[in-house]
Full PDB file with SEQRES, HELIX, SHEET, SSBOND, CRYST1, ORIGX, SCALE, CONECT and MASTER records, all heavy atoms in Angstrom:
SEQRES   1 A   31  GLU GLY ILE ARG ALA ARG GLY PHE ASP MET PRO VAL LEU          
SEQRES   2 A   31  LEU ARG ILE ASP ASN ILE LEU ASP ALA GLN ILE GLU SER          
SEQRES   3 A   31  LEU ASN GLU THR CYS                                          
HELIX    1 AA1 GLY A    2  ALA A    5  1                                   4    
HELIX    2 AA2 ASP A   17  THR A   30  1                                  14    
CRYST1    1.000    1.000    1.000  90.00  90.00  90.00 P 1           1          
ORIGX1      1.000000  0.000000  0.000000        0.00000                         
ORIGX2      0.000000  1.000000  0.000000        0.00000                         
ORIGX3      0.000000  0.000000  1.000000        0.00000                         
SCALE1      1.000000  0.000000  0.000000        0.00000                         
SCALE2      0.000000  1.000000  0.000000        0.00000                         
SCALE3      0.000000  0.000000  1.000000        0.00000                         
ATOM      1  N   GLU A   1      17.631  -2.717   5.345  1.00  0.00           N  
ATOM      2  CA  GLU A   1      18.936  -2.059   5.411  1.00  0.00           C  
ATOM      3  C   GLU A   1      19.720  -2.569   6.621  1.00  0.00           C  
ATOM      4  O   GLU A   1      20.936  -2.793   6.552  1.00  0.00           O  
ATOM      5  CB  GLU A   1      18.747  -0.541   5.492  1.00  0.00           C  
ATOM      6  CG  GLU A   1      20.043   0.255   5.462  1.00  0.00           C  
ATOM      7  CD  GLU A   1      20.856  -0.003   4.213  1.00  0.00           C  
ATOM      8  OE1 GLU A   1      20.269  -0.139   3.124  1.00  0.00           O  
ATOM      9  OE2 GLU A   1      22.105  -0.101   4.326  1.00  0.00           O  
ATOM     10  N   GLY A   2      19.038  -2.744   7.735  1.00  0.00           N  
ATOM     11  CA  GLY A   2      19.691  -3.286   8.918  1.00  0.00           C  
ATOM     12  C   GLY A   2      20.169  -4.715   8.719  1.00  0.00           C  
ATOM     13  O   GLY A   2      21.213  -5.112   9.246  1.00  0.00           O  
ATOM     14  N   ILE A   3      19.408  -5.482   7.959  1.00  0.00           N  
ATOM     15  CA  ILE A   3      19.816  -6.856   7.649  1.00  0.00           C  
ATOM     16  C   ILE A   3      21.113  -6.855   6.842  1.00  0.00           C  
ATOM     17  O   ILE A   3      22.055  -7.608   7.133  1.00  0.00           O  
ATOM     18  CB  ILE A   3      18.691  -7.583   6.879  1.00  0.00           C  
ATOM     19  CG1 ILE A   3      17.493  -7.836   7.801  1.00  0.00           C  
ATOM     20  CG2 ILE A   3      19.197  -8.896   6.282  1.00  0.00           C  
ATOM     21  CD1 ILE A   3      16.258  -8.338   7.074  1.00  0.00           C  
ATOM     22  N   ARG A   4      21.170  -5.996   5.825  1.00  0.00           N  
ATOM     23  CA  ARG A   4      22.384  -5.925   5.002  1.00  0.00           C  
ATOM     24  C   ARG A   4      23.573  -5.415   5.810  1.00  0.00           C  
ATOM     25  O   ARG A   4      24.697  -5.877   5.637  1.00  0.00           O  
ATOM     26  CB  ARG A   4      22.132  -5.030   3.787  1.00  0.00           C  
ATOM     27  CG  ARG A   4      21.228  -5.656   2.741  1.00  0.00           C  
ATOM     28  CD  ARG A   4      21.340  -4.919   1.419  1.00  0.00           C  
ATOM     29  NE  ARG A   4      20.859  -3.550   1.553  1.00  0.00           N  
ATOM     30  CZ  ARG A   4      19.642  -3.149   1.213  1.00  0.00           C  
ATOM     31  NH1 ARG A   4      18.781  -4.021   0.721  1.00  0.00           N  
ATOM     32  NH2 ARG A   4      19.276  -1.896   1.362  1.00  0.00           N  
ATOM     33  N   ALA A   5      23.317  -4.443   6.702  1.00  0.00           N  
ATOM     34  CA  ALA A   5      24.395  -3.906   7.530  1.00  0.00           C  
ATOM     35  C   ALA A   5      24.986  -4.976   8.449  1.00  0.00           C  
ATOM     36  O   ALA A   5      26.154  -4.889   8.839  1.00  0.00           O  
ATOM     37  CB  ALA A   5      23.883  -2.728   8.362  1.00  0.00           C  
ATOM     38  N   ARG A   6      24.195  -5.989   8.772  1.00  0.00           N  
ATOM     39  CA  ARG A   6      24.664  -7.075   9.624  1.00  0.00           C  
ATOM     40  C   ARG A   6      25.324  -8.198   8.825  1.00  0.00           C  
ATOM     41  O   ARG A   6      25.652  -9.250   9.370  1.00  0.00           O  
ATOM     42  CB  ARG A   6      23.503  -7.623  10.459  1.00  0.00           C  
ATOM     43  CG  ARG A   6      23.067  -6.683  11.574  1.00  0.00           C  
ATOM     44  CD  ARG A   6      21.696  -7.035  12.135  1.00  0.00           C  
ATOM     45  NE  ARG A   6      21.374  -6.258  13.319  1.00  0.00           N  
ATOM     46  CZ  ARG A   6      20.945  -5.003  13.316  1.00  0.00           C  
ATOM     47  NH1 ARG A   6      20.783  -4.375  12.140  1.00  0.00           N  
ATOM     48  NH2 ARG A   6      20.678  -4.373  14.441  1.00  0.00           N  
ATOM     49  N   GLY A   7      25.465  -7.984   7.521  1.00  0.00           N  
ATOM     50  CA  GLY A   7      26.209  -8.931   6.701  1.00  0.00           C  
ATOM     51  C   GLY A   7      25.395 -10.003   6.018  1.00  0.00           C  
ATOM     52  O   GLY A   7      25.947 -10.970   5.506  1.00  0.00           O  
ATOM     53  N   PHE A   8      24.064  -9.825   5.981  1.00  0.00           N  
ATOM     54  CA  PHE A   8      23.214 -10.812   5.317  1.00  0.00           C  
ATOM     55  C   PHE A   8      22.783 -10.279   3.954  1.00  0.00           C  
ATOM     56  O   PHE A   8      22.265  -9.171   3.842  1.00  0.00           O  
ATOM     57  CB  PHE A   8      21.972 -11.121   6.162  1.00  0.00           C  
ATOM     58  CG  PHE A   8      22.241 -11.946   7.372  1.00  0.00           C  
ATOM     59  CD1 PHE A   8      22.642 -11.356   8.563  1.00  0.00           C  
ATOM     60  CD2 PHE A   8      22.120 -13.328   7.331  1.00  0.00           C  
ATOM     61  CE1 PHE A   8      22.901 -12.111   9.685  1.00  0.00           C  
ATOM     62  CE2 PHE A   8      22.378 -14.102   8.446  1.00  0.00           C  
ATOM     63  CZ  PHE A   8      22.773 -13.496   9.630  1.00  0.00           C  
ATOM     64  N   ASP A   9      22.991 -11.089   2.926  1.00  0.00           N  
ATOM     65  CA  ASP A   9      22.574 -10.708   1.581  1.00  0.00           C  
ATOM     66  C   ASP A   9      21.110 -11.072   1.350  1.00  0.00           C  
ATOM     67  O   ASP A   9      20.550 -11.929   2.022  1.00  0.00           O  
ATOM     68  CB  ASP A   9      23.441 -11.418   0.533  1.00  0.00           C  
ATOM     69  CG  ASP A   9      24.822 -10.798   0.413  1.00  0.00           C  
ATOM     70  OD1 ASP A   9      24.912  -9.565   0.364  1.00  0.00           O  
ATOM     71  OD2 ASP A   9      25.809 -11.551   0.360  1.00  0.00           O  
ATOM     72  N   MET A  10      20.528 -10.434   0.348  1.00  0.00           N  
ATOM     73  CA  MET A  10      19.216 -10.848  -0.139  1.00  0.00           C  
ATOM     74  C   MET A  10      19.376 -12.125  -0.968  1.00  0.00           C  
ATOM     75  O   MET A  10      20.451 -12.347  -1.524  1.00  0.00           O  
ATOM     76  CB  MET A  10      18.593  -9.748  -0.996  1.00  0.00           C  
ATOM     77  CG  MET A  10      18.298  -8.464  -0.231  1.00  0.00           C  
ATOM     78  SD  MET A  10      16.939  -8.694   0.924  1.00  0.00           S  
ATOM     79  CE  MET A  10      17.498  -7.676   2.301  1.00  0.00           C  
ATOM     80  N   PRO A  11      18.357 -12.970  -1.064  1.00  0.00           N  
ATOM     81  CA  PRO A  11      17.025 -12.840  -0.478  1.00  0.00           C  
ATOM     82  C   PRO A  11      17.028 -13.194   1.004  1.00  0.00           C  
ATOM     83  O   PRO A  11      17.865 -13.969   1.478  1.00  0.00           O  
ATOM     84  CB  PRO A  11      16.192 -13.831  -1.283  1.00  0.00           C  
ATOM     85  CG  PRO A  11      17.173 -14.897  -1.679  1.00  0.00           C  
ATOM     86  CD  PRO A  11      18.473 -14.184  -1.912  1.00  0.00           C  
ATOM     87  N   VAL A  12      16.040 -12.642   1.699  1.00  0.00           N  
ATOM     88  CA  VAL A  12      15.879 -12.875   3.136  1.00  0.00           C  
ATOM     89  C   VAL A  12      14.403 -13.141   3.424  1.00  0.00           C  
ATOM     90  O   VAL A  12      13.531 -12.459   2.880  1.00  0.00           O  
ATOM     91  CB  VAL A  12      16.357 -11.658   3.957  1.00  0.00           C  
ATOM     92  CG1 VAL A  12      15.934 -11.785   5.413  1.00  0.00           C  
ATOM     93  CG2 VAL A  12      17.867 -11.508   3.867  1.00  0.00           C  
ATOM     94  N   LEU A  13      14.142 -14.118   4.254  1.00  0.00           N  
ATOM     95  CA  LEU A  13      12.793 -14.325   4.763  1.00  0.00           C  
ATOM     96  C   LEU A  13      12.699 -13.594   6.091  1.00  0.00           C  
ATOM     97  O   LEU A  13      13.431 -13.917   7.039  1.00  0.00           O  
ATOM     98  CB  LEU A  13      12.492 -15.811   4.954  1.00  0.00           C  
ATOM     99  CG  LEU A  13      11.047 -16.095   5.381  1.00  0.00           C  
ATOM    100  CD1 LEU A  13      10.098 -15.903   4.208  1.00  0.00           C  
ATOM    101  CD2 LEU A  13      10.912 -17.508   5.932  1.00  0.00           C  
ATOM    102  N   LEU A  14      11.836 -12.601   6.152  1.00  0.00           N  
ATOM    103  CA  LEU A  14      11.658 -11.803   7.365  1.00  0.00           C  
ATOM    104  C   LEU A  14      10.455 -12.312   8.134  1.00  0.00           C  
ATOM    105  O   LEU A  14       9.343 -12.358   7.606  1.00  0.00           O  
ATOM    106  CB  LEU A  14      11.467 -10.331   6.988  1.00  0.00           C  
ATOM    107  CG  LEU A  14      11.138  -9.372   8.143  1.00  0.00           C  
ATOM    108  CD1 LEU A  14      12.299  -9.285   9.129  1.00  0.00           C  
ATOM    109  CD2 LEU A  14      10.775  -7.996   7.612  1.00  0.00           C  
ATOM    110  N   ARG A  15      10.687 -12.682   9.391  1.00  0.00           N  
ATOM    111  CA  ARG A  15       9.597 -13.113  10.264  1.00  0.00           C  
ATOM    112  C   ARG A  15       9.339 -12.037  11.320  1.00  0.00           C  
ATOM    113  O   ARG A  15      10.286 -11.444  11.849  1.00  0.00           O  
ATOM    114  CB  ARG A  15       9.924 -14.433  10.970  1.00  0.00           C  
ATOM    115  CG  ARG A  15      10.024 -15.643  10.063  1.00  0.00           C  
ATOM    116  CD  ARG A  15       9.874 -16.919  10.887  1.00  0.00           C  
ATOM    117  NE  ARG A  15      10.207 -18.098  10.115  1.00  0.00           N  
ATOM    118  CZ  ARG A  15      11.264 -18.878  10.335  1.00  0.00           C  
ATOM    119  NH1 ARG A  15      12.088 -18.610  11.327  1.00  0.00           N  
ATOM    120  NH2 ARG A  15      11.494 -19.939   9.601  1.00  0.00           N  
ATOM    121  N   ILE A  16       8.072 -11.815  11.626  1.00  0.00           N  
ATOM    122  CA  ILE A  16       7.686 -10.830  12.638  1.00  0.00           C  
ATOM    123  C   ILE A  16       6.976 -11.576  13.758  1.00  0.00           C  
ATOM    124  O   ILE A  16       5.826 -12.024  13.616  1.00  0.00           O  
ATOM    125  CB  ILE A  16       6.774  -9.731  12.045  1.00  0.00           C  
ATOM    126  CG1 ILE A  16       7.463  -9.040  10.865  1.00  0.00           C  
ATOM    127  CG2 ILE A  16       6.433  -8.709  13.116  1.00  0.00           C  
ATOM    128  CD1 ILE A  16       7.084  -9.584   9.508  1.00  0.00           C  
ATOM    129  N   ASP A  17       7.663 -11.743  14.887  1.00  0.00           N  
ATOM    130  CA  ASP A  17       7.129 -12.529  15.999  1.00  0.00           C  
ATOM    131  C   ASP A  17       5.787 -12.007  16.492  1.00  0.00           C  
ATOM    132  O   ASP A  17       4.881 -12.784  16.830  1.00  0.00           O  
ATOM    133  CB  ASP A  17       8.126 -12.522  17.160  1.00  0.00           C  
ATOM    134  CG  ASP A  17       9.295 -13.476  16.933  1.00  0.00           C  
ATOM    135  OD1 ASP A  17       9.303 -14.158  15.890  1.00  0.00           O  
ATOM    136  OD2 ASP A  17      10.196 -13.529  17.791  1.00  0.00           O  
ATOM    137  N   ASN A  18       5.647 -10.682  16.542  1.00  0.00           N  
ATOM    138  CA  ASN A  18       4.420 -10.097  17.105  1.00  0.00           C  
ATOM    139  C   ASN A  18       3.170 -10.569  16.374  1.00  0.00           C  
ATOM    140  O   ASN A  18       2.101 -10.709  16.974  1.00  0.00           O  
ATOM    141  CB  ASN A  18       4.473  -8.573  17.020  1.00  0.00           C  
ATOM    142  CG  ASN A  18       5.763  -7.989  17.559  1.00  0.00           C  
ATOM    143  OD1 ASN A  18       6.813  -8.166  16.958  1.00  0.00           O  
ATOM    144  ND2 ASN A  18       5.674  -7.288  18.678  1.00  0.00           N  
ATOM    145  N   ILE A  19       3.294 -10.789  15.070  1.00  0.00           N  
ATOM    146  CA  ILE A  19       2.108 -11.160  14.288  1.00  0.00           C  
ATOM    147  C   ILE A  19       1.618 -12.555  14.668  1.00  0.00           C  
ATOM    148  O   ILE A  19       0.409 -12.803  14.731  1.00  0.00           O  
ATOM    149  CB  ILE A  19       2.399 -11.041  12.784  1.00  0.00           C  
ATOM    150  CG1 ILE A  19       2.652  -9.573  12.412  1.00  0.00           C  
ATOM    151  CG2 ILE A  19       1.249 -11.598  11.952  1.00  0.00           C  
ATOM    152  CD1 ILE A  19       2.945  -9.336  10.946  1.00  0.00           C  
ATOM    153  N   LEU A  20       2.540 -13.477  14.929  1.00  0.00           N  
ATOM    154  CA  LEU A  20       2.129 -14.796  15.409  1.00  0.00           C  
ATOM    155  C   LEU A  20       1.325 -14.667  16.696  1.00  0.00           C  
ATOM    156  O   LEU A  20       0.265 -15.285  16.861  1.00  0.00           O  
ATOM    157  CB  LEU A  20       3.360 -15.684  15.657  1.00  0.00           C  
ATOM    158  CG  LEU A  20       4.004 -16.367  14.467  1.00  0.00           C  
ATOM    159  CD1 LEU A  20       5.232 -17.141  14.919  1.00  0.00           C  
ATOM    160  CD2 LEU A  20       3.034 -17.291  13.767  1.00  0.00           C  
ATOM    161  N   ASP A  21       1.841 -13.872  17.616  1.00  0.00           N  
ATOM    162  CA  ASP A  21       1.168 -13.652  18.899  1.00  0.00           C  
ATOM    163  C   ASP A  21      -0.215 -13.049  18.680  1.00  0.00           C  
ATOM    164  O   ASP A  21      -1.217 -13.504  19.254  1.00  0.00           O  
ATOM    165  CB  ASP A  21       2.035 -12.723  19.755  1.00  0.00           C  
ATOM    166  CG  ASP A  21       1.583 -12.677  21.204  1.00  0.00           C  
ATOM    167  OD1 ASP A  21       0.646 -13.417  21.576  1.00  0.00           O  
ATOM    168  OD2 ASP A  21       2.172 -11.892  21.980  1.00  0.00           O  
ATOM    169  N   ALA A  22      -0.280 -12.034  17.807  1.00  0.00           N  
ATOM    170  CA  ALA A  22      -1.548 -11.340  17.575  1.00  0.00           C  
ATOM    171  C   ALA A  22      -2.577 -12.244  16.909  1.00  0.00           C  
ATOM    172  O   ALA A  22      -3.779 -12.179  17.222  1.00  0.00           O  
ATOM    173  CB  ALA A  22      -1.311 -10.103  16.717  1.00  0.00           C  
ATOM    174  N   GLN A  23      -2.148 -13.101  15.980  1.00  0.00           N  
ATOM    175  CA  GLN A  23      -3.093 -13.988  15.297  1.00  0.00           C  
ATOM    176  C   GLN A  23      -3.644 -15.065  16.232  1.00  0.00           C  
ATOM    177  O   GLN A  23      -4.829 -15.409  16.159  1.00  0.00           O  
ATOM    178  CB  GLN A  23      -2.421 -14.644  14.086  1.00  0.00           C  
ATOM    179  CG  GLN A  23      -2.263 -13.735  12.879  1.00  0.00           C  
ATOM    180  CD  GLN A  23      -3.604 -13.351  12.282  1.00  0.00           C  
ATOM    181  OE1 GLN A  23      -4.181 -12.320  12.638  1.00  0.00           O  
ATOM    182  NE2 GLN A  23      -4.111 -14.162  11.367  1.00  0.00           N  
ATOM    183  N   ILE A  24      -2.801 -15.593  17.115  1.00  0.00           N  
ATOM    184  CA  ILE A  24      -3.286 -16.570  18.099  1.00  0.00           C  
ATOM    185  C   ILE A  24      -4.302 -15.910  19.027  1.00  0.00           C  
ATOM    186  O   ILE A  24      -5.369 -16.469  19.319  1.00  0.00           O  
ATOM    187  CB  ILE A  24      -2.106 -17.152  18.902  1.00  0.00           C  
ATOM    188  CG1 ILE A  24      -1.255 -18.055  18.007  1.00  0.00           C  
ATOM    189  CG2 ILE A  24      -2.604 -17.928  20.120  1.00  0.00           C  
ATOM    190  CD1 ILE A  24       0.021 -18.532  18.651  1.00  0.00           C  
ATOM    191  N   GLU A  25      -3.988 -14.706  19.458  1.00  0.00           N  
ATOM    192  CA  GLU A  25      -4.909 -13.966  20.326  1.00  0.00           C  
ATOM    193  C   GLU A  25      -6.222 -13.673  19.609  1.00  0.00           C  
ATOM    194  O   GLU A  25      -7.307 -13.843  20.179  1.00  0.00           O  
ATOM    195  CB  GLU A  25      -4.254 -12.664  20.782  1.00  0.00           C  
ATOM    196  CG  GLU A  25      -5.141 -11.796  21.652  1.00  0.00           C  
ATOM    197  CD  GLU A  25      -4.481 -10.478  22.007  1.00  0.00           C  
ATOM    198  OE1 GLU A  25      -3.390 -10.514  22.618  1.00  0.00           O  
ATOM    199  OE2 GLU A  25      -5.048  -9.418  21.667  1.00  0.00           O  
ATOM    200  N   SER A  26      -6.134 -13.249  18.363  1.00  0.00           N  
ATOM    201  CA  SER A  26      -7.331 -12.894  17.608  1.00  0.00           C  
ATOM    202  C   SER A  26      -8.264 -14.079  17.449  1.00  0.00           C  
ATOM    203  O   SER A  26      -9.483 -13.972  17.665  1.00  0.00           O  
ATOM    204  CB  SER A  26      -6.928 -12.345  16.229  1.00  0.00           C  
ATOM    205  OG  SER A  26      -8.060 -12.018  15.466  1.00  0.00           O  
ATOM    206  N   LEU A  27      -7.720 -15.248  17.076  1.00  0.00           N  
ATOM    207  CA  LEU A  27      -8.554 -16.435  16.900  1.00  0.00           C  
ATOM    208  C   LEU A  27      -9.225 -16.835  18.208  1.00  0.00           C  
ATOM    209  O   LEU A  27     -10.445 -17.063  18.257  1.00  0.00           O  
ATOM    210  CB  LEU A  27      -7.704 -17.594  16.365  1.00  0.00           C  
ATOM    211  CG  LEU A  27      -8.413 -18.949  16.267  1.00  0.00           C  
ATOM    212  CD1 LEU A  27      -9.587 -18.887  15.302  1.00  0.00           C  
ATOM    213  CD2 LEU A  27      -7.433 -20.037  15.841  1.00  0.00           C  
ATOM    214  N   ASN A  28      -8.452 -16.918  19.271  1.00  0.00           N  
ATOM    215  CA  ASN A  28      -8.996 -17.396  20.544  1.00  0.00           C  
ATOM    216  C   ASN A  28      -9.973 -16.403  21.167  1.00  0.00           C  
ATOM    217  O   ASN A  28     -11.018 -16.802  21.698  1.00  0.00           O  
ATOM    218  CB  ASN A  28      -7.850 -17.706  21.514  1.00  0.00           C  
ATOM    219  CG  ASN A  28      -7.156 -19.019  21.206  1.00  0.00           C  
ATOM    220  OD1 ASN A  28      -7.597 -20.078  21.635  1.00  0.00           O  
ATOM    221  ND2 ASN A  28      -6.074 -18.955  20.450  1.00  0.00           N  
ATOM    222  N   GLU A  29      -9.660 -15.113  21.080  1.00  0.00           N  
ATOM    223  CA  GLU A  29     -10.556 -14.118  21.672  1.00  0.00           C  
ATOM    224  C   GLU A  29     -11.845 -13.972  20.861  1.00  0.00           C  
ATOM    225  O   GLU A  29     -12.920 -13.759  21.430  1.00  0.00           O  
ATOM    226  CB  GLU A  29      -9.838 -12.770  21.771  1.00  0.00           C  
ATOM    227  CG  GLU A  29      -8.734 -12.727  22.824  1.00  0.00           C  
ATOM    228  CD  GLU A  29      -9.264 -12.913  24.242  1.00  0.00           C  
ATOM    229  OE1 GLU A  29     -10.450 -12.590  24.491  1.00  0.00           O  
ATOM    230  OE2 GLU A  29      -8.512 -13.407  25.104  1.00  0.00           O  
ATOM    231  N   THR A  30     -11.742 -14.078  19.542  1.00  0.00           N  
ATOM    232  CA  THR A  30     -12.957 -13.998  18.718  1.00  0.00           C  
ATOM    233  C   THR A  30     -13.861 -15.181  18.993  1.00  0.00           C  
ATOM    234  O   THR A  30     -15.094 -15.040  19.054  1.00  0.00           O  
ATOM    235  CB  THR A  30     -12.592 -13.924  17.227  1.00  0.00           C  
ATOM    236  OG1 THR A  30     -11.678 -12.844  17.006  1.00  0.00           O  
ATOM    237  CG2 THR A  30     -13.822 -13.699  16.369  1.00  0.00           C  
ATOM    238  N   CYS A  31     -13.271 -16.371  19.158  1.00  0.00           N  
ATOM    239  CA  CYS A  31     -14.075 -17.548  19.511  1.00  0.00           C  
ATOM    240  C   CYS A  31     -14.711 -17.373  20.885  1.00  0.00           C  
ATOM    241  O   CYS A  31     -15.893 -17.704  21.091  1.00  0.00           O  
ATOM    242  CB  CYS A  31     -13.206 -18.805  19.490  1.00  0.00           C  
ATOM    243  SG  CYS A  31     -12.860 -19.422  17.838  1.00  0.00           S  
TER     244      CYS A  31                                                      
MASTER        0    0    0    2    0    0    0    6  243    1    0    3          
END                                                                             
């Protein structure tokens, strides 16, 4: 809804920065 309110139509690719950070941490810490 916030994306549409900012003037962007669907379709939209939504990226979540935190997940990249968490996956890098998970791989390295598990190793």
